């Protein structure tokens, strides 16, 4: 379990790739409290339909060849699905604390000519604003695979990162009581940027090494609720 930050102790923080996108962007205070104090804000569950479609995609593509699914990926096989990964401690130059990455990826492709690709499934319209956020997650999984902790899944080199995005476009009624969704499938490649990812981890560790949590985001409803509760006692 993580403990409150202290200047007398060098920490090795456990970081979850799933928090690198929206939680980090939405509120650094909530991120700090989750990692340092294991205090988690109430989660907003993803609508079940998106979770269901993503799970069906994983099941459908498992063991399939990339060239039978989507253009843009080198030849290979969707070989690994929903594996937990954990990295060795990651040190950032100039930073006292370290971190390790632990999480579960969607799928990994084993390429015919060597190496691997980490793929995340999304059910939505293409949104260029979210790509840099998802890139952090994919880089985190690549780091955990290439610098795996002893006894954890280790795959190297990770040559490609990307999103496989399904965008529903039509609802089709087939027979009485049966229907289906149809749409398009697209591949969004994420360029590998190890230096940029290490810079991001350095920013994260700077926040976590503070003796107290940073101020909450003005747009964070949970921080606003806590502040109101402190003032009113409710």
Foldseek 3Di string as FASTA:
>chain_A
DAEFFDPVDAAAWEDELVCQFDVVVQKQLQVLCCTHVVDHDDDDDDPVVFVVVLVVVLVVQAQHWPVVPAPDDATWGQHDAFFWFKADWDDAPPFRHTYMYIYTAGTKTAHPVGAIEGEHEGEAPDDPVRVVSVLLSRLNVQRRQCRTDPPGHHTDDHDWYWYWYWYWDDKADDDVPDIDTDTDIHIDTDDDDVPVSSVVVVVSSVQNNDSHHDDTDPPDPVSVVVVVCVVVVD
